[in-house]
Amino acid sequence: METDTFSGKIFAAIMALSGFHAYAAILAVLFACGLGVPIPEDITLFAAGFLAYKGRITLVGALIVGLLGVLVGDTFMYLIGRNFGRRVFGWPMFRRMFTPDRIRMAEEKIHNNARIICFTSRFAPGLRAPVYITSGILRVPFTTFILMDGLAALISVPVWVLLAYYLGDKVEMLLGIAKNAKIGFAILLLLLVGVYIVRKIRKRRIERGAV
């Protein structure tokens, strides 16, 4: 992997660690990703899987710290929104991230389909933080939020970690897979939303017919 890129530097920094320090770094970077910091989450999870492949951490440890890191970051954003409300949109650290368009889009989607949006947002980095913090502001039940986000994390996290673990030194191939997987996740996201909308429309038509 080219280390002159931002992703390459993150990968190289994590790969220089082992044991407790590696776990701590992975957890910290994933937490930062959850806060909306522009660090590629997939590269961090790749690094966790690659460290497990090298024997510097365990595979089970890589999966656990990966899941814990993304869920803690996501939950923190939800709790910020729930406790501080719309004031957070004006905070300097969030002002650039939460553009009026993103806020409006997140609110509209969450109002109509909280469960499916909390699930699919994990696969949409640009909307993830705005959706999660808006979920807190709109008082989406925490059980709904954590269940949907957790289910999505159980899909996304093992994919990146296991790819790195089983493909080993084929780092360049991993990057290609990451790019293609992002496209695949985007397509999956659209399909899920489309299926959900179609089912909802049919349900309404059946209800109207029954009346």
N, C-alpha and C. Protein backbone atom coordinates (compact mmCIF):
# COMPACT_ATOMS: atom_id res chain seq x y z
N MET A 1 0.84 -1.20 0.00
CA MET A 1 0.00 0.00 0.00
C MET A 1 0.88 1.25 0.00
N GLU A 2 0.49 2.24 -0.78
CA GLU A 2 1.25 3.48 -0.82
C GLU A 2 1.03 4.25 0.47
N THR A 3 2.15 4.55 1.16
CA THR A 3 2.05 5.21 2.46
C THR A 3 2.04 6.72 2.36
N ASP A 4 2.09 7.27 1.14
CA ASP A 4 2.06 8.72 1.02
C ASP A 4 0.63 9.24 0.99
N THR A 5 -0.35 8.32 0.90
CA THR A 5 -1.74 8.72 0.96
C THR A 5 -2.19 8.73 2.41
N PHE A 6 -3.29 9.43 2.67
CA PHE A 6 -3.81 9.51 4.04
C PHE A 6 -4.18 8.12 4.56
N SER A 7 -4.87 7.34 3.71
CA SER A 7 -5.25 5.99 4.11
C SER A 7 -4.03 5.13 4.39
N GLY A 8 -3.01 5.30 3.54
CA GLY A 8 -1.79 4.53 3.71
C GLY A 8 -1.08 4.86 5.01
N LYS A 9 -1.09 6.13 5.39
CA LYS A 9 -0.45 6.55 6.64
C LYS A 9 -1.18 5.97 7.85
N ILE A 10 -2.50 5.98 7.80
CA ILE A 10 -3.29 5.40 8.90
C ILE A 10 -2.97 3.91 9.02
N PHE A 11 -2.97 3.23 7.88
CA PHE A 11 -2.70 1.80 7.85
C PHE A 11 -1.31 1.50 8.40
N ALA A 12 -0.30 2.27 7.95
CA ALA A 12 1.07 2.05 8.38
C ALA A 12 1.24 2.32 9.88
N ALA A 13 0.56 3.36 10.38
CA ALA A 13 0.67 3.70 11.80
C ALA A 13 0.12 2.58 12.68
N ILE A 14 -1.01 2.03 12.29
CA ILE A 14 -1.61 0.94 13.07
C ILE A 14 -0.77 -0.33 12.95
N MET A 15 -0.24 -0.58 11.75
CA MET A 15 0.53 -1.78 11.52
C MET A 15 1.86 -1.78 12.28
N ALA A 16 2.29 -0.65 12.76
CA ALA A 16 3.54 -0.57 13.53
C ALA A 16 3.34 -1.01 14.98
N LEU A 17 2.09 -1.31 15.36
CA LEU A 17 1.77 -1.63 16.74
C LEU A 17 1.46 -3.12 16.90
N SER A 18 1.34 -3.54 18.15
CA SER A 18 0.96 -4.91 18.45
C SER A 18 0.35 -4.96 19.85
N GLY A 19 -0.34 -6.06 20.11
CA GLY A 19 -0.92 -6.26 21.44
C GLY A 19 -1.85 -5.16 21.88
N PHE A 20 -1.73 -4.78 23.15
CA PHE A 20 -2.61 -3.78 23.75
C PHE A 20 -2.60 -2.47 22.98
N HIS A 21 -1.42 -2.01 22.56
CA HIS A 21 -1.32 -0.74 21.85
C HIS A 21 -2.07 -0.78 20.51
N ALA A 22 -2.03 -1.92 19.85
CA ALA A 22 -2.76 -2.07 18.59
C ALA A 22 -4.26 -2.01 18.83
N TYR A 23 -4.73 -2.74 19.85
CA TYR A 23 -6.15 -2.72 20.17
C TYR A 23 -6.60 -1.30 20.51
N ALA A 24 -5.80 -0.60 21.31
CA ALA A 24 -6.15 0.75 21.73
C ALA A 24 -6.21 1.70 20.53
N ALA A 25 -5.26 1.56 19.61
CA ALA A 25 -5.22 2.43 18.43
C ALA A 25 -6.42 2.17 17.52
N ILE A 26 -6.74 0.90 17.30
CA ILE A 26 -7.89 0.55 16.45
C ILE A 26 -9.17 1.11 17.06
N LEU A 27 -9.32 0.93 18.36
CA LEU A 27 -10.51 1.42 19.05
C LEU A 27 -10.61 2.94 18.95
N ALA A 28 -9.49 3.63 19.15
CA ALA A 28 -9.49 5.10 19.11
C ALA A 28 -9.81 5.62 17.71
N VAL A 29 -9.23 5.01 16.69
CA VAL A 29 -9.46 5.47 15.31
C VAL A 29 -10.91 5.22 14.90
N LEU A 30 -11.44 4.05 15.25
CA LEU A 30 -12.83 3.75 14.91
C LEU A 30 -13.80 4.67 15.65
N PHE A 31 -13.46 5.01 16.88
CA PHE A 31 -14.28 5.96 17.64
C PHE A 31 -14.29 7.31 16.93
N ALA A 32 -13.11 7.74 16.45
CA ALA A 32 -13.01 9.00 15.71
C ALA A 32 -13.82 8.94 14.42
N CYS A 33 -13.80 7.78 13.76
CA CYS A 33 -14.61 7.61 12.54
C CYS A 33 -16.09 7.81 12.86
N GLY A 34 -16.51 7.26 13.99
CA GLY A 34 -17.91 7.40 14.40
C GLY A 34 -18.30 8.83 14.65
N LEU A 35 -17.33 9.66 15.03
CA LEU A 35 -17.60 11.08 15.28
C LEU A 35 -17.63 11.89 13.98
N GLY A 36 -17.36 11.23 12.85
CA GLY A 36 -17.39 11.93 11.58
C GLY A 36 -16.04 12.42 11.11
N VAL A 37 -14.97 12.12 11.86
CA VAL A 37 -13.62 12.51 11.41
C VAL A 37 -13.33 11.76 10.11
N PRO A 38 -12.82 12.46 9.09
CA PRO A 38 -12.61 11.84 7.77
C PRO A 38 -11.47 10.83 7.73
N ILE A 39 -11.62 9.76 8.49
CA ILE A 39 -10.66 8.66 8.48
C ILE A 39 -11.40 7.45 7.91
N PRO A 40 -10.83 6.74 6.95
CA PRO A 40 -11.52 5.60 6.35
C PRO A 40 -11.68 4.44 7.31
N GLU A 41 -12.90 4.15 7.67
CA GLU A 41 -13.18 3.07 8.62
C GLU A 41 -12.74 1.72 8.08
N ASP A 42 -12.95 1.49 6.78
CA ASP A 42 -12.61 0.20 6.20
C ASP A 42 -11.11 -0.07 6.28
N ILE A 43 -10.28 0.96 6.08
CA ILE A 43 -8.83 0.78 6.16
C ILE A 43 -8.42 0.40 7.58
N THR A 44 -9.07 0.99 8.57
CA THR A 44 -8.78 0.67 9.96
C THR A 44 -9.13 -0.78 10.26
N LEU A 45 -10.27 -1.23 9.75
CA LEU A 45 -10.67 -2.62 9.95
C LEU A 45 -9.77 -3.57 9.18
N PHE A 46 -9.32 -3.14 8.00
CA PHE A 46 -8.34 -3.91 7.25
C PHE A 46 -7.08 -4.11 8.08
N ALA A 47 -6.63 -3.02 8.70
CA ALA A 47 -5.42 -3.07 9.51
C ALA A 47 -5.60 -4.05 10.67
N ALA A 48 -6.78 -4.05 11.28
CA ALA A 48 -7.05 -4.98 12.38
C ALA A 48 -6.95 -6.43 11.89
N GLY A 49 -7.56 -6.71 10.74
CA GLY A 49 -7.49 -8.06 10.19
C GLY A 49 -6.08 -8.45 9.79
N PHE A 50 -5.34 -7.49 9.25
CA PHE A 50 -3.97 -7.76 8.81
C PHE A 50 -3.05 -8.01 10.01
N LEU A 51 -3.27 -7.28 11.10
CA LEU A 51 -2.51 -7.52 12.33
C LEU A 51 -2.78 -8.92 12.87
N ALA A 52 -4.03 -9.36 12.76
CA ALA A 52 -4.37 -10.72 13.18
C ALA A 52 -3.67 -11.74 12.29
N TYR A 53 -3.63 -11.46 10.99
CA TYR A 53 -2.92 -12.33 10.04
C TYR A 53 -1.44 -12.43 10.40
N LYS A 54 -0.85 -11.34 10.84
CA LYS A 54 0.57 -11.31 11.20
C LYS A 54 0.82 -11.90 12.59
N GLY A 55 -0.27 -12.17 13.33
CA GLY A 55 -0.12 -12.74 14.65
C GLY A 55 0.15 -11.73 15.75
N ARG A 56 -0.01 -10.45 15.46
CA ARG A 56 0.26 -9.41 16.47
C ARG A 56 -0.93 -9.19 17.40
N ILE A 57 -2.12 -9.54 16.92
CA ILE A 57 -3.31 -9.59 17.76
C ILE A 57 -4.09 -10.83 17.32
N THR A 58 -5.10 -11.21 18.09
CA THR A 58 -5.88 -12.39 17.70
C THR A 58 -7.01 -11.98 16.76
N LEU A 59 -7.49 -12.95 15.98
CA LEU A 59 -8.60 -12.67 15.08
C LEU A 59 -9.86 -12.33 15.86
N VAL A 60 -10.11 -13.08 16.93
CA VAL A 60 -11.28 -12.79 17.77
C VAL A 60 -11.16 -11.39 18.36
N GLY A 61 -9.96 -11.04 18.81
CA GLY A 61 -9.73 -9.70 19.36
C GLY A 61 -9.96 -8.61 18.33
N ALA A 62 -9.52 -8.86 17.09
CA ALA A 62 -9.71 -7.88 16.01
C ALA A 62 -11.20 -7.67 15.74
N LEU A 63 -11.97 -8.75 15.73
CA LEU A 63 -13.41 -8.64 15.48
C LEU A 63 -14.12 -7.92 16.63
N ILE A 64 -13.74 -8.26 17.86
CA ILE A 64 -14.38 -7.65 19.03
C ILE A 64 -14.08 -6.17 19.09
N VAL A 65 -12.79 -5.79 18.95
CA VAL A 65 -12.43 -4.38 19.05
C VAL A 65 -13.01 -3.59 17.87
N GLY A 66 -13.15 -4.26 16.71
CA GLY A 66 -13.76 -3.60 15.56
C GLY A 66 -15.23 -3.29 15.82
N LEU A 67 -15.97 -4.28 16.31
CA LEU A 67 -17.38 -4.07 16.62
C LEU A 67 -17.56 -3.05 17.73
N LEU A 68 -16.73 -3.17 18.77
CA LEU A 68 -16.83 -2.25 19.90
C LEU A 68 -16.53 -0.82 19.46
N GLY A 69 -15.50 -0.66 18.62
CA GLY A 69 -15.12 0.68 18.18
C GLY A 69 -16.21 1.39 17.40
N VAL A 70 -16.82 0.68 16.44
CA VAL A 70 -17.85 1.33 15.63
C VAL A 70 -19.12 1.58 16.43
N LEU A 71 -19.48 0.65 17.32
CA LEU A 71 -20.71 0.83 18.09
C LEU A 71 -20.57 1.92 19.14
N VAL A 72 -19.40 2.02 19.76
CA VAL A 72 -19.18 3.07 20.76
C VAL A 72 -19.24 4.44 20.09
N GLY A 73 -18.59 4.57 18.93
CA GLY A 73 -18.62 5.85 18.21
C GLY A 73 -20.02 6.23 17.78
N ASP A 74 -20.77 5.27 17.23
CA ASP A 74 -22.13 5.53 16.78
C ASP A 74 -23.04 5.89 17.95
N THR A 75 -22.91 5.15 19.06
CA THR A 75 -23.73 5.40 20.23
C THR A 75 -23.42 6.77 20.83
N PHE A 76 -22.16 7.15 20.82
CA PHE A 76 -21.77 8.46 21.35
C PHE A 76 -22.46 9.57 20.58
N MET A 77 -22.52 9.43 19.24
CA MET A 77 -23.19 10.44 18.42
C MET A 77 -24.68 10.48 18.75
N TYR A 78 -25.28 9.32 18.90
CA TYR A 78 -26.71 9.25 19.25
C TYR A 78 -26.97 9.96 20.58
N LEU A 79 -26.13 9.69 21.58
CA LEU A 79 -26.32 10.27 22.91
C LEU A 79 -26.09 11.77 22.92
N ILE A 80 -25.16 12.25 22.08
CA ILE A 80 -24.96 13.70 21.97
C ILE A 80 -26.23 14.36 21.48
N GLY A 81 -26.82 13.79 20.44
CA GLY A 81 -28.07 14.34 19.91
C GLY A 81 -29.20 14.27 20.91
N ARG A 82 -29.30 13.17 21.63
CA ARG A 82 -30.38 12.99 22.59
C ARG A 82 -30.27 13.95 23.77
N ASN A 83 -29.04 14.24 24.20
CA ASN A 83 -28.83 15.06 25.39
C ASN A 83 -28.72 16.56 25.10
N PHE A 84 -28.24 16.93 23.92
CA PHE A 84 -28.01 18.35 23.63
C PHE A 84 -28.93 18.92 22.55
N GLY A 85 -29.66 18.05 21.84
CA GLY A 85 -30.61 18.53 20.85
C GLY A 85 -29.96 19.25 19.68
N ARG A 86 -30.72 20.15 19.08
CA ARG A 86 -30.27 20.82 17.86
C ARG A 86 -29.10 21.79 18.08
N ARG A 87 -28.76 22.05 19.31
CA ARG A 87 -27.62 22.94 19.58
C ARG A 87 -26.34 22.41 18.97
N VAL A 88 -26.23 21.07 18.84
CA VAL A 88 -24.97 20.50 18.36
C VAL A 88 -24.68 20.88 16.92
N PHE A 89 -25.72 21.21 16.15
CA PHE A 89 -25.50 21.58 14.76
C PHE A 89 -24.69 22.87 14.63
N GLY A 90 -24.69 23.66 15.68
CA GLY A 90 -23.94 24.91 15.66
C GLY A 90 -22.56 24.82 16.28
N TRP A 91 -22.22 23.68 16.86
CA TRP A 91 -20.90 23.52 17.45
C TRP A 91 -19.82 23.54 16.38
N PRO A 92 -18.68 24.18 16.63
CA PRO A 92 -17.61 24.27 15.62
C PRO A 92 -17.17 22.92 15.07
N MET A 93 -17.10 21.90 15.92
CA MET A 93 -16.61 20.59 15.48
C MET A 93 -17.59 19.88 14.55
N PHE A 94 -18.87 20.28 14.56
CA PHE A 94 -19.88 19.63 13.74
C PHE A 94 -20.44 20.53 12.63
N ARG A 95 -20.10 21.80 12.66
CA ARG A 95 -20.74 22.75 11.75
C ARG A 95 -20.55 22.38 10.28
N ARG A 96 -19.34 21.98 9.90
CA ARG A 96 -19.08 21.63 8.50
C ARG A 96 -19.72 20.31 8.11
N MET A 97 -19.76 19.40 9.07
CA MET A 97 -20.31 18.08 8.79
C MET A 97 -21.81 18.12 8.59
N PHE A 98 -22.51 18.88 9.45
CA PHE A 98 -23.97 18.91 9.40
C PHE A 98 -24.45 20.09 8.58
N THR A 99 -24.39 19.92 7.27
CA THR A 99 -24.90 20.96 6.37
C THR A 99 -26.43 20.94 6.43
N PRO A 100 -27.07 22.06 6.09
CA PRO A 100 -28.54 22.09 6.11
C PRO A 100 -29.17 20.97 5.29
N ASP A 101 -28.58 20.65 4.13
CA ASP A 101 -29.13 19.58 3.29
C ASP A 101 -29.05 18.23 3.98
N ARG A 102 -27.91 17.95 4.61
CA ARG A 102 -27.75 16.67 5.31
C ARG A 102 -28.70 16.56 6.49
N ILE A 103 -28.87 17.65 7.22
CA ILE A 103 -29.78 17.64 8.37
C ILE A 103 -31.21 17.39 7.90
N ARG A 104 -31.63 18.11 6.86
CA ARG A 104 -32.99 17.96 6.35
C ARG A 104 -33.22 16.54 5.83
N MET A 105 -32.25 16.00 5.10
CA MET A 105 -32.38 14.65 4.56
C MET A 105 -32.47 13.62 5.67
N ALA A 106 -31.63 13.78 6.69
CA ALA A 106 -31.63 12.83 7.81
C ALA A 106 -32.96 12.87 8.56
N GLU A 107 -33.47 14.08 8.79
CA GLU A 107 -34.73 14.21 9.53
C GLU A 107 -35.89 13.60 8.76
N GLU A 108 -35.94 13.86 7.47
CA GLU A 108 -37.04 13.33 6.65
C GLU A 108 -37.03 11.81 6.65
N LYS A 109 -35.86 11.22 6.46
CA LYS A 109 -35.75 9.77 6.38
C LYS A 109 -36.05 9.11 7.72
N ILE A 110 -35.55 9.69 8.80
CA ILE A 110 -35.75 9.10 10.12
C ILE A 110 -37.22 9.20 10.54
N HIS A 111 -37.87 10.32 10.22
CA HIS A 111 -39.28 10.47 10.56
C HIS A 111 -40.11 9.36 9.93
N ASN A 112 -39.79 9.00 8.70
CA ASN A 112 -40.60 8.03 7.96
C ASN A 112 -40.19 6.58 8.19
N ASN A 113 -38.88 6.35 8.30
CA ASN A 113 -38.40 4.96 8.36
C ASN A 113 -37.20 4.83 9.30
N ALA A 114 -37.42 5.01 10.58
CA ALA A 114 -36.31 5.04 11.55
C ALA A 114 -35.49 3.75 11.52
N ARG A 115 -36.15 2.61 11.52
CA ARG A 115 -35.43 1.33 11.61
C ARG A 115 -34.54 1.08 10.41
N ILE A 116 -35.11 1.19 9.22
CA ILE A 116 -34.33 0.89 8.01
C ILE A 116 -33.21 1.90 7.82
N ILE A 117 -33.43 3.15 8.20
CA ILE A 117 -32.41 4.18 8.04
C ILE A 117 -31.26 3.98 9.02
N CYS A 118 -31.56 3.62 10.26
CA CYS A 118 -30.51 3.35 11.25
C CYS A 118 -29.66 2.16 10.82
N PHE A 119 -30.28 1.23 10.10
CA PHE A 119 -29.55 0.05 9.61
C PHE A 119 -28.67 0.41 8.40
N THR A 120 -29.28 1.02 7.40
CA THR A 120 -28.56 1.27 6.15
C THR A 120 -27.53 2.39 6.25
N SER A 121 -27.67 3.29 7.21
CA SER A 121 -26.73 4.40 7.33
C SER A 121 -25.31 3.94 7.66
N ARG A 122 -25.17 2.78 8.25
CA ARG A 122 -23.84 2.23 8.55
C ARG A 122 -23.05 2.02 7.26
N PHE A 123 -23.75 1.84 6.13
CA PHE A 123 -23.09 1.61 4.85
C PHE A 123 -22.97 2.89 4.03
N ALA A 124 -23.31 4.02 4.62
CA ALA A 124 -23.25 5.31 3.91
C ALA A 124 -22.46 6.30 4.76
N PRO A 125 -21.12 6.30 4.64
CA PRO A 125 -20.27 7.14 5.50
C PRO A 125 -20.66 8.61 5.55
N GLY A 126 -21.08 9.18 4.44
CA GLY A 126 -21.41 10.60 4.41
C GLY A 126 -22.63 10.96 5.24
N LEU A 127 -23.54 10.00 5.40
CA LEU A 127 -24.78 10.26 6.14
C LEU A 127 -24.78 9.66 7.54
N ARG A 128 -23.80 8.83 7.83
CA ARG A 128 -23.81 8.07 9.08
C ARG A 128 -23.90 8.98 10.31
N ALA A 129 -22.96 9.89 10.46
CA ALA A 129 -22.95 10.76 11.65
C ALA A 129 -24.20 11.64 11.72
N PRO A 130 -24.60 12.32 10.62
CA PRO A 130 -25.83 13.12 10.69
C PRO A 130 -27.07 12.31 11.07
N VAL A 131 -27.18 11.10 10.54
CA VAL A 131 -28.34 10.26 10.85
C VAL A 131 -28.34 9.85 12.31
N TYR A 132 -27.19 9.45 12.82
CA TYR A 132 -27.14 8.96 14.20
C TYR A 132 -27.39 10.08 15.20
N ILE A 133 -26.82 11.24 14.97
CA ILE A 133 -27.04 12.34 15.90
C ILE A 133 -28.47 12.85 15.79
N THR A 134 -29.03 12.84 14.59
CA THR A 134 -30.41 13.26 14.40
C THR A 134 -31.37 12.24 15.01
N SER A 135 -30.98 10.95 15.00
CA SER A 135 -31.80 9.92 15.65
C SER A 135 -31.95 10.23 17.13
N GLY A 136 -30.85 10.70 17.73
CA GLY A 136 -30.92 11.07 19.15
C GLY A 136 -31.79 12.29 19.37
N ILE A 137 -31.65 13.27 18.49
CA ILE A 137 -32.44 14.50 18.62
C ILE A 137 -33.93 14.20 18.48
N LEU A 138 -34.28 13.31 17.56
CA LEU A 138 -35.68 12.97 17.32
C LEU A 138 -36.21 11.90 18.28
N ARG A 139 -35.37 11.51 19.23
CA ARG A 139 -35.78 10.56 20.26
C ARG A 139 -36.19 9.20 19.70
N VAL A 140 -35.47 8.73 18.70
CA VAL A 140 -35.66 7.35 18.26
C VAL A 140 -35.31 6.46 19.45
N PRO A 141 -36.14 5.48 19.80
CA PRO A 141 -35.84 4.62 20.96
C PRO A 141 -34.43 4.04 20.87
N PHE A 142 -33.70 4.08 21.97
CA PHE A 142 -32.32 3.59 21.95
C PHE A 142 -32.25 2.12 21.56
N THR A 143 -33.23 1.32 22.00
CA THR A 143 -33.22 -0.10 21.64
C THR A 143 -33.34 -0.29 20.13
N THR A 144 -34.16 0.53 19.48
CA THR A 144 -34.29 0.47 18.02
C THR A 144 -32.98 0.85 17.35
N PHE A 145 -32.39 1.95 17.82
CA PHE A 145 -31.14 2.44 17.24
C PHE A 145 -30.02 1.41 17.37
N ILE A 146 -29.78 0.91 18.58
CA ILE A 146 -28.64 0.03 18.81
C ILE A 146 -28.85 -1.33 18.16
N LEU A 147 -30.10 -1.79 18.07
CA LEU A 147 -30.38 -3.06 17.42
C LEU A 147 -30.09 -2.98 15.92
N MET A 148 -30.60 -1.93 15.27
CA MET A 148 -30.40 -1.79 13.83
C MET A 148 -28.92 -1.51 13.49
N ASP A 149 -28.30 -0.63 14.27
CA ASP A 149 -26.89 -0.32 14.04
C ASP A 149 -26.02 -1.54 14.33
N GLY A 150 -26.37 -2.29 15.37
CA GLY A 150 -25.61 -3.49 15.71
C GLY A 150 -25.71 -4.56 14.64
N LEU A 151 -26.90 -4.74 14.10
CA LEU A 151 -27.07 -5.73 13.02
C LEU A 151 -26.24 -5.36 11.80
N ALA A 152 -26.23 -4.06 11.47
CA ALA A 152 -25.44 -3.60 10.33
C ALA A 152 -23.95 -3.79 10.59
N ALA A 153 -23.51 -3.51 11.82
CA ALA A 153 -22.10 -3.66 12.18
C ALA A 153 -21.67 -5.12 12.11
N LEU A 154 -22.60 -6.03 12.45
CA LEU A 154 -22.29 -7.46 12.38
C LEU A 154 -22.08 -7.93 10.95
N ILE A 155 -22.51 -7.12 9.99
CA ILE A 155 -22.27 -7.42 8.58
C ILE A 155 -20.98 -6.74 8.10
N SER A 156 -20.89 -5.44 8.34
CA SER A 156 -19.79 -4.66 7.77
C SER A 156 -18.43 -4.95 8.42
N VAL A 157 -18.38 -5.04 9.74
CA VAL A 157 -17.09 -5.22 10.43
C VAL A 157 -16.42 -6.56 10.07
N PRO A 158 -17.11 -7.70 10.21
CA PRO A 158 -16.45 -8.96 9.85
C PRO A 158 -16.00 -9.03 8.40
N VAL A 159 -16.73 -8.38 7.49
CA VAL A 159 -16.34 -8.40 6.08
C VAL A 159 -14.93 -7.85 5.90
N TRP A 160 -14.66 -6.65 6.44
CA TRP A 160 -13.35 -6.03 6.27
C TRP A 160 -12.26 -6.79 7.02
N VAL A 161 -12.54 -7.17 8.26
CA VAL A 161 -11.52 -7.85 9.08
C VAL A 161 -11.15 -9.20 8.48
N LEU A 162 -12.14 -9.98 8.09
CA LEU A 162 -11.88 -11.32 7.57
C LEU A 162 -11.23 -11.28 6.19
N LEU A 163 -11.58 -10.29 5.38
CA LEU A 163 -10.92 -10.15 4.08
C LEU A 163 -9.41 -9.94 4.27
N ALA A 164 -9.05 -9.06 5.18
CA ALA A 164 -7.64 -8.80 5.43
C ALA A 164 -6.95 -10.02 6.03
N TYR A 165 -7.65 -10.73 6.90
CA TYR A 165 -7.06 -11.89 7.57
C TYR A 165 -6.80 -13.03 6.58
N TYR A 166 -7.75 -13.29 5.69
CA TYR A 166 -7.61 -14.43 4.79
C TYR A 166 -6.83 -14.12 3.52
N LEU A 167 -6.81 -12.86 3.10
CA LEU A 167 -6.04 -12.51 1.91
C LEU A 167 -4.61 -12.10 2.24
N GLY A 168 -4.35 -11.85 3.53
CA GLY A 168 -2.98 -11.64 3.98
C GLY A 168 -2.25 -10.50 3.31
N ASP A 169 -1.11 -10.82 2.69
CA ASP A 169 -0.22 -9.79 2.15
C ASP A 169 -0.72 -9.15 0.87
N LYS A 170 -1.83 -9.60 0.34
CA LYS A 170 -2.35 -9.03 -0.91
C LYS A 170 -3.05 -7.70 -0.62
N VAL A 171 -2.29 -6.73 -0.13
CA VAL A 171 -2.85 -5.46 0.32
C VAL A 171 -3.46 -4.67 -0.82
N GLU A 172 -2.80 -4.64 -1.95
CA GLU A 172 -3.33 -3.89 -3.09
C GLU A 172 -4.67 -4.47 -3.54
N MET A 173 -4.77 -5.79 -3.48
CA MET A 173 -6.04 -6.43 -3.83
C MET A 173 -7.11 -6.01 -2.84
N LEU A 174 -6.73 -5.89 -1.56
CA LEU A 174 -7.67 -5.48 -0.54
C LEU A 174 -8.25 -4.11 -0.84
N LEU A 175 -7.39 -3.20 -1.28
CA LEU A 175 -7.86 -1.85 -1.59
C LEU A 175 -8.85 -1.87 -2.74
N GLY A 176 -8.57 -2.70 -3.75
CA GLY A 176 -9.50 -2.83 -4.87
C GLY A 176 -10.82 -3.39 -4.42
N ILE A 177 -10.76 -4.39 -3.54
CA ILE A 177 -11.98 -4.98 -3.01
C ILE A 177 -12.76 -3.95 -2.20
N ALA A 178 -12.04 -3.14 -1.43
CA ALA A 178 -12.69 -2.10 -0.62
C ALA A 178 -13.48 -1.15 -1.49
N LYS A 179 -12.87 -0.70 -2.60
CA LYS A 179 -13.56 0.24 -3.49
C LYS A 179 -14.79 -0.40 -4.11
N ASN A 180 -14.63 -1.67 -4.57
CA ASN A 180 -15.75 -2.37 -5.18
C ASN A 180 -16.84 -2.67 -4.16
N ALA A 181 -16.40 -2.99 -2.93
CA ALA A 181 -17.37 -3.30 -1.88
C ALA A 181 -18.20 -2.08 -1.53
N LYS A 182 -17.57 -0.89 -1.56
CA LYS A 182 -18.31 0.34 -1.28
C LYS A 182 -19.42 0.52 -2.30
N ILE A 183 -19.09 0.23 -3.56
CA ILE A 183 -20.10 0.33 -4.62
C ILE A 183 -21.19 -0.71 -4.37
N GLY A 184 -20.76 -1.93 -3.98
CA GLY A 184 -21.72 -2.99 -3.70
C GLY A 184 -22.63 -2.64 -2.54
N PHE A 185 -22.07 -2.06 -1.49
CA PHE A 185 -22.87 -1.66 -0.34
C PHE A 185 -23.86 -0.56 -0.73
N ALA A 186 -23.42 0.34 -1.60
CA ALA A 186 -24.31 1.42 -2.04
C ALA A 186 -25.50 0.84 -2.82
N ILE A 187 -25.20 -0.16 -3.67
CA ILE A 187 -26.27 -0.81 -4.42
C ILE A 187 -27.20 -1.56 -3.47
N LEU A 188 -26.60 -2.26 -2.49
CA LEU A 188 -27.41 -2.98 -1.50
C LEU A 188 -28.30 -2.02 -0.73
N LEU A 189 -27.75 -0.86 -0.39
CA LEU A 189 -28.51 0.16 0.33
C LEU A 189 -29.73 0.59 -0.47
N LEU A 190 -29.52 0.87 -1.76
CA LEU A 190 -30.62 1.29 -2.63
C LEU A 190 -31.67 0.19 -2.76
N LEU A 191 -31.21 -1.05 -2.89
CA LEU A 191 -32.15 -2.17 -3.02
C LEU A 191 -33.00 -2.34 -1.77
N LEU A 192 -32.35 -2.25 -0.61
CA LEU A 192 -33.07 -2.40 0.66
C LEU A 192 -34.12 -1.31 0.83
N VAL A 193 -33.73 -0.08 0.54
CA VAL A 193 -34.66 1.03 0.66
C VAL A 193 -35.81 0.86 -0.34
N GLY A 194 -35.47 0.43 -1.56
CA GLY A 194 -36.49 0.23 -2.59
C GLY A 194 -37.50 -0.84 -2.20
N VAL A 195 -37.00 -1.97 -1.69
CA VAL A 195 -37.88 -3.06 -1.25
C VAL A 195 -38.78 -2.60 -0.11
N TYR A 196 -38.19 -1.86 0.82
CA TYR A 196 -38.97 -1.37 1.97
C TYR A 196 -40.08 -0.44 1.52
N ILE A 197 -39.78 0.46 0.59
CA ILE A 197 -40.78 1.42 0.11
C ILE A 197 -41.90 0.71 -0.64
N VAL A 198 -41.51 -0.26 -1.49
CA VAL A 198 -42.52 -1.02 -2.25
C VAL A 198 -43.45 -1.77 -1.30
N ARG A 199 -42.88 -2.40 -0.28
CA ARG A 199 -43.70 -3.13 0.68
C ARG A 199 -44.64 -2.20 1.43
N LYS A 200 -44.15 -1.00 1.74
CA LYS A 200 -44.97 -0.04 2.47
C LYS A 200 -46.12 0.45 1.59
N ILE A 201 -45.84 0.69 0.32
CA ILE A 201 -46.89 1.13 -0.61
C ILE A 201 -47.96 0.05 -0.76
N ARG A 202 -47.52 -1.19 -0.91
CA ARG A 202 -48.48 -2.31 -1.05
C ARG A 202 -49.34 -2.46 0.20
N LYS A 203 -48.71 -2.29 1.36
CA LYS A 203 -49.44 -2.41 2.61
C LYS A 203 -50.53 -1.34 2.70
N ARG A 204 -50.20 -0.11 2.29
CA ARG A 204 -51.17 0.97 2.32
C ARG A 204 -52.32 0.70 1.37
N ARG A 205 -52.01 0.17 0.19
CA ARG A 205 -53.05 -0.14 -0.80
C ARG A 205 -53.99 -1.21 -0.27
N ILE A 206 -53.40 -2.24 0.40
CA ILE A 206 -54.23 -3.30 0.97
C ILE A 206 -55.13 -2.74 2.06
N GLU A 207 -54.59 -1.87 2.89
CA GLU A 207 -55.38 -1.28 3.98
C GLU A 207 -56.52 -0.44 3.42
N ARG A 208 -56.22 0.34 2.35
CA ARG A 208 -57.26 1.17 1.73
C ARG A 208 -58.34 0.29 1.09
N GLY A 209 -57.90 -0.84 0.49
CA GLY A 209 -58.85 -1.76 -0.14
C GLY A 209 -59.76 -2.39 0.88
N ALA A 210 -59.19 -2.68 2.07
CA ALA A 210 -59.98 -3.31 3.13
C ALA A 210 -61.05 -2.35 3.66
N VAL A 211 -60.71 -1.04 3.63
CA VAL A 211 -61.66 -0.03 4.09
C VAL A 211 -62.78 0.13 3.06
